[in-house]
C-alpha atoms as a PDB file:
ATOM      1  CA  MET A   1    -130.762-111.579  70.474  1.00  0.00           C
ATOM      2  CA  LEU A   2    -128.095-112.449  68.048  1.00  0.00           C
ATOM      3  CA  PRO A   3    -127.312-116.404  66.984  1.00  0.00           C
ATOM      4  CA  THR A   4    -123.808-115.670  67.903  1.00  0.00           C
ATOM      5  CA  LEU A   5    -124.308-114.293  71.253  1.00  0.00           C
ATOM      6  CA  ARG A   6    -126.934-116.984  71.886  1.00  0.00           C
ATOM      7  CA  ALA A   7    -124.514-119.799  71.148  1.00  0.00           C
ATOM      8  CA  SER A   8    -121.929-117.924  73.194  1.00  0.00           C
ATOM      9  CA  LEU A   9    -123.476-116.814  77.004  1.00  0.00           C
ATOM     10  CA  PRO A  10    -124.102-120.428  78.440  1.00  0.00           C
ATOM     11  CA  TYR A  11    -120.310-120.969  77.875  1.00  0.00           C
ATOM     12  CA  THR A  12    -119.139-117.365  78.808  1.00  0.00           C
ATOM     13  CA  LEU A  13    -122.024-117.731  81.756  1.00  0.00           C
ATOM     14  CA  ALA A  14    -119.907-121.231  83.056  1.00  0.00           C
ATOM     15  CA  LEU A  15    -116.679-119.818  82.295  1.00  0.00           C
ATOM     16  CA  ALA A  16    -117.153-116.678  84.595  1.00  0.00           C
ATOM     17  CA  VAL A  17    -118.600-119.393  87.424  1.00  0.00           C
ATOM     18  CA  LEU A  18    -115.557-121.318  87.453  1.00  0.00           C
ATOM     19  CA  VAL A  19    -113.491-118.650  87.530  1.00  0.00           C
ATOM     20  CA  TYR A  20    -115.872-117.055  90.737  1.00  0.00           C
ATOM     21  CA  PHE A  21    -115.040-120.959  92.822  1.00  0.00           C
ATOM     22  CA  ILE A  22    -111.589-120.866  91.751  1.00  0.00           C
ATOM     23  CA  PHE A  23    -110.991-117.607  92.710  1.00  0.00           C
ATOM     24  CA  SER A  24    -113.002-118.077  95.722  1.00  0.00           C
ATOM     25  CA  PHE A  25    -110.800-120.618  96.985  1.00  0.00           C
ATOM     26  CA  PHE A  26    -107.846-118.463  97.479  1.00  0.00           C
ATOM     27  CA  THR A  27    -107.928-116.691 100.297  1.00  0.00           C
ATOM     28  CA  LEU A  28    -107.385-113.253  99.102  1.00  0.00           C
ATOM     29  CA  ASN A  29    -108.801-110.022 100.541  1.00  0.00           C
ATOM     30  CA  ILE A  30    -110.920-109.442  97.748  1.00  0.00           C
ATOM     31  CA  SER A  31    -114.482-109.046  97.747  1.00  0.00           C
ATOM     32  CA  PRO A  32    -116.297-112.207  95.914  1.00  0.00           C
ATOM     33  CA  ALA A  33    -118.287-109.444  93.499  1.00  0.00           C
ATOM     34  CA  TRP A  34    -115.005-108.867  92.369  1.00  0.00           C
ATOM     35  CA  PHE A  35    -114.865-112.988  91.633  1.00  0.00           C
ATOM     36  CA  VAL A  36    -117.626-112.494  89.670  1.00  0.00           C
ATOM     37  CA  VAL A  37    -116.502-109.788  87.421  1.00  0.00           C
ATOM     38  CA  ILE A  38    -113.057-111.173  86.875  1.00  0.00           C
ATOM     39  CA  GLY A  39    -115.028-114.515  85.628  1.00  0.00           C
ATOM     40  CA  VAL A  40    -117.222-112.476  83.210  1.00  0.00           C
ATOM     41  CA  VAL A  41    -114.005-110.503  82.256  1.00  0.00           C
ATOM     42  CA  LEU A  42    -111.835-113.513  81.350  1.00  0.00           C
ATOM     43  CA  ALA A  43    -114.972-115.232  79.794  1.00  0.00           C
ATOM     44  CA  GLY A  44    -115.409-112.295  77.652  1.00  0.00           C
ATOM     45  CA  VAL A  45    -112.468-112.493  76.274  1.00  0.00           C
ATOM     46  CA  LEU A  46    -111.868-116.146  76.335  1.00  0.00           C
ATOM     47  CA  VAL A  47    -114.879-117.142  74.727  1.00  0.00           C
ATOM     48  CA  PRO A  48    -114.825-115.163  71.625  1.00  0.00           C
ATOM     49  CA  VAL A  49    -111.654-116.730  71.266  1.00  0.00           C
ATOM     50  CA  LEU A  50    -112.863-120.344  71.201  1.00  0.00           C
ATOM     51  CA  LEU A  51    -115.495-119.675  68.969  1.00  0.00           C
ATOM     52  CA  ASP A  52    -113.343-118.136  66.226  1.00  0.00           C
ATOM     53  CA  THR A  53    -110.980-120.967  66.664  1.00  0.00           C
ATOM     54  CA  LYS A  54    -113.791-123.603  67.026  1.00  0.00           C
ATOM     55  CA  GLY A  55    -115.662-122.376  64.124  1.00  0.00           C
ATOM     56  CA  ALA A  56    -118.878-123.834  62.742  1.00  0.00           C
ATOM     57  CA  ALA A  57    -118.969-126.620  64.828  1.00  0.00           C
ATOM     58  CA  VAL A  58    -119.940-124.634  67.942  1.00  0.00           C
ATOM     59  CA  SER A  59    -122.297-122.164  65.366  1.00  0.00           C
ATOM     60  CA  PRO A  60    -126.130-122.869  65.959  1.00  0.00           C
ATOM     61  CA  MET A  61    -126.157-122.297  61.950  1.00  0.00           C
ATOM     62  CA  ALA A  62    -123.517-124.484  61.325  1.00  0.00           C
ATOM     63  CA  ASP A  63    -126.282-127.630  60.445  1.00  0.00           C
ATOM     64  CA  VAL A  64    -127.419-125.522  57.468  1.00  0.00           C
ATOM     65  CA  GLN A  65    -126.476-126.769  54.512  1.00  0.00           C
ATOM     66  CA  GLU A  66    -126.013-124.489  51.268  1.00  0.00           C
ATOM     67  CA  PHE A  67    -128.576-125.018  48.716  1.00  0.00           C
ATOM     68  CA  THR A  68    -128.147-125.580  45.042  1.00  0.00           C
ATOM     69  CA  GLY A  69    -131.310-125.949  42.556  1.00  0.00           C
ATOM     70  CA  ASP A  70    -134.381-124.509  41.524  1.00  0.00           C
ATOM     71  CA  THR A  71    -135.069-121.519  43.827  1.00  0.00           C
ATOM     72  CA  ALA A  72    -138.481-119.203  44.886  1.00  0.00           C
ATOM     73  CA  THR A  73    -138.085-115.796  45.876  1.00  0.00           C
ATOM     74  CA  LEU A  74    -140.413-114.951  48.673  1.00  0.00           C
ATOM     75  CA  TYR A  75    -141.602-111.289  49.494  1.00  0.00           C
ATOM     76  CA  VAL A  76    -141.699-110.887  53.307  1.00  0.00           C
ATOM     77  CA  GLY A  77    -143.604-107.672  54.668  1.00  0.00           C
ATOM     78  CA  ASN A  78    -143.871-106.237  57.859  1.00  0.00           C
ATOM     79  CA  LEU A  79    -140.246-106.787  59.219  1.00  0.00           C
ATOM     80  CA  PRO A  80    -139.622-105.534  62.682  1.00  0.00           C
ATOM     81  CA  TYR A  81    -136.916-102.592  61.541  1.00  0.00           C
ATOM     82  CA  ARG A  82    -134.128-104.090  64.330  1.00  0.00           C
ATOM     83  CA  ALA A  83    -134.486-107.293  62.189  1.00  0.00           C
ATOM     84  CA  ASN A  84    -131.628-108.488  60.291  1.00  0.00           C
ATOM     85  CA  GLU A  85    -130.360-110.806  57.784  1.00  0.00           C
ATOM     86  CA  ASP A  86    -129.012-114.129  60.033  1.00  0.00           C
ATOM     87  CA  ALA A  87    -132.447-113.650  62.332  1.00  0.00           C
ATOM     88  CA  VAL A  88    -134.550-113.732  59.056  1.00  0.00           C
ATOM     89  CA  LYS A  89    -132.668-116.820  57.547  1.00  0.00           C
ATOM     90  CA  GLU A  90    -132.677-118.779  61.162  1.00  0.00           C
ATOM     91  CA  LEU A  91    -136.104-117.603  61.020  1.00  0.00           C
ATOM     92  CA  PHE A  92    -137.033-119.204  57.034  1.00  0.00           C
ATOM     93  CA  ALA A  93    -134.085-122.365  57.824  1.00  0.00           C
ATOM     94  CA  ASN A  94    -136.526-123.784  60.301  1.00  0.00           C
ATOM     95  CA  TYR A  95    -139.163-124.586  57.353  1.00  0.00           C
ATOM     96  CA  GLY A  96    -136.720-125.356  54.858  1.00  0.00           C
ATOM     97  CA  ALA A  97    -133.600-124.367  53.146  1.00  0.00           C
ATOM     98  CA  VAL A  98    -132.493-120.961  52.715  1.00  0.00           C
ATOM     99  CA  LYS A  99    -129.907-119.976  50.067  1.00  0.00           C
ATOM    100  CA  ASN A 100    -130.534-115.761  50.109  1.00  0.00           C
ATOM    101  CA  VAL A 101    -131.883-112.961  52.338  1.00  0.00           C
ATOM    102  CA  ARG A 102    -131.712-109.216  51.180  1.00  0.00           C
ATOM    103  CA  LEU A 103    -133.607-106.913  53.240  1.00  0.00           C
ATOM    104  CA  MET A 104    -134.330-103.571  51.740  1.00  0.00           C
ATOM    105  CA  LYS A 105    -132.867-100.502  52.980  1.00  0.00           C
ATOM    106  CA  ASP A 106    -133.377 -96.427  52.263  1.00  0.00           C
ATOM    107  CA  ARG A 107    -130.489 -95.010  49.823  1.00  0.00           C
ATOM    108  CA  GLN A 108    -130.371 -91.968  52.120  1.00  0.00           C
ATOM    109  CA  THR A 109    -130.691 -92.690  55.048  1.00  0.00           C
ATOM    110  CA  GLY A 110    -129.334 -96.735  55.593  1.00  0.00           C
ATOM    111  CA  ARG A 111    -132.505 -97.661  57.287  1.00  0.00           C
ATOM    112  CA  ARG A 112    -134.212-100.617  57.017  1.00  0.00           C
ATOM    113  CA  ARG A 113    -137.740-100.367  55.296  1.00  0.00           C
ATOM    114  CA  GLY A 114    -139.264-102.886  56.954  1.00  0.00           C
ATOM    115  CA  PHE A 115    -139.662-105.540  53.957  1.00  0.00           C
ATOM    116  CA  GLY A 116    -137.055-107.971  52.320  1.00  0.00           C
ATOM    117  CA  PHE A 117    -136.822-111.239  49.979  1.00  0.00           C
ATOM    118  CA  VAL A 118    -135.652-114.483  51.173  1.00  0.00           C
ATOM    119  CA  GLU A 119    -134.612-116.876  48.139  1.00  0.00           C
ATOM    120  CA  VAL A 120    -135.925-120.188  49.329  1.00  0.00           C
ATOM    121  CA  ALA A 121    -135.787-123.743  47.719  1.00  0.00           C
ATOM    122  CA  ALA A 122    -138.811-124.092  45.525  1.00  0.00           C
ATOM    123  CA  LYS A 123    -140.085-127.596  47.035  1.00  0.00           C
ATOM    124  CA  ASP A 124    -140.049-125.809  50.583  1.00  0.00           C
ATOM    125  CA  ALA A 125    -141.857-122.196  49.278  1.00  0.00           C
ATOM    126  CA  ALA A 126    -145.092-123.171  49.416  1.00  0.00           C
ATOM    127  CA  LYS A 127    -144.696-124.205  53.175  1.00  0.00           C
ATOM    128  CA  MET A 128    -142.660-121.485  54.115  1.00  0.00           C
ATOM    129  CA  ILE A 129    -145.770-119.434  52.853  1.00  0.00           C
ATOM    130  CA  ASN A 130    -148.338-121.084  54.646  1.00  0.00           C
ATOM    131  CA  LYS A 131    -146.358-121.115  58.241  1.00  0.00           C
ATOM    132  CA  LEU A 132    -144.330-117.606  58.536  1.00  0.00           C
ATOM    133  CA  ASN A 133    -147.303-115.992  56.344  1.00  0.00           C
ATOM    134  CA  ASP A 134    -148.984-113.970  59.582  1.00  0.00           C
ATOM    135  CA  PHE A 135    -146.516-115.337  61.814  1.00  0.00           C
ATOM    136  CA  GLU A 136    -145.691-113.182  65.057  1.00  0.00           C
ATOM    137  CA  PHE A 137    -141.477-112.519  64.782  1.00  0.00           C
ATOM    138  CA  GLN A 138    -140.278-110.203  67.278  1.00  0.00           C
ATOM    139  CA  GLU A 139    -143.716-108.648  68.023  1.00  0.00           C
ATOM    140  CA  ARG A 140    -144.819-107.833  64.556  1.00  0.00           C
ATOM    141  CA  THR A 141    -146.671-109.724  62.301  1.00  0.00           C
ATOM    142  CA  LEU A 142    -145.077-110.702  58.696  1.00  0.00           C
ATOM    143  CA  LYS A 143    -146.570-110.841  55.931  1.00  0.00           C
ATOM    144  CA  VAL A 144    -145.011-113.665  53.697  1.00  0.00           C
ATOM    145  CA  ARG A 145    -145.492-114.030  49.642  1.00  0.00           C
ATOM    146  CA  GLU A 146    -144.216-115.139  46.387  1.00  0.00           C
ATOM    147  CA  ALA A 147    -142.613-112.268  45.530  1.00  0.00           C
ATOM    148  CA  LYS A 148    -143.652-110.682  42.170  1.00  0.00           C
ATOM    149  CA  GLU A 149    -141.638-109.927  39.016  1.00  0.00           C
ATOM    150  CA  ARG A 150    -140.261-106.170  38.810  1.00  0.00           C
ATOM    151  CA  GLN A 151    -141.937-103.952  36.132  1.00  0.00           C
ATOM    152  CA  ASP A 152    -140.413-102.309  33.744  1.00  0.00           C
ATOM    153  CA  GLU A 153    -140.835 -98.783  33.943  1.00  0.00           C
ATOM    154  CA  ASP A 154    -141.007 -98.400  30.141  1.00  0.00           C
ATOM    155  CA  ASN A 155    -144.526-100.906  30.867  1.00  0.00           C
ATOM    156  CA  ALA A 156    -146.009 -98.915  33.679  1.00  0.00           C
ATOM    157  CA  GLU A 157    -146.748 -96.034  31.365  1.00  0.00           C
END
């Protein structure tokens, strides 16, 4: 589930129930199911607007601080193809400071290739490798290692 949807879903449901009860007090010749539909539609419009105006105060990533200092790059393999940068960043942020997430895509199709790189605080890298290597994430077992430097093609020949 997307982090923004996860953050807004309780508010949407609460607002839908509230609208349902408010409209149910009015004696209209409308089915109660329509009250629920009206509540969900109103909540679906109002909650994103409220989240945009509140900004980072409601966001689940609000407590993540931007990191400056020594960094290490971790290779993350066997990622689910449906995983996005925000989900991977949220997972790694549970174990330390995350600076950047890059998930690799196929140049021709634009589809994700199932691996990526996470730039993290150097002091947290070993802990992340220990905790997240062989970790089950979205029904896939992750492979997390310290990234190796890219070899020049001249050296490979």
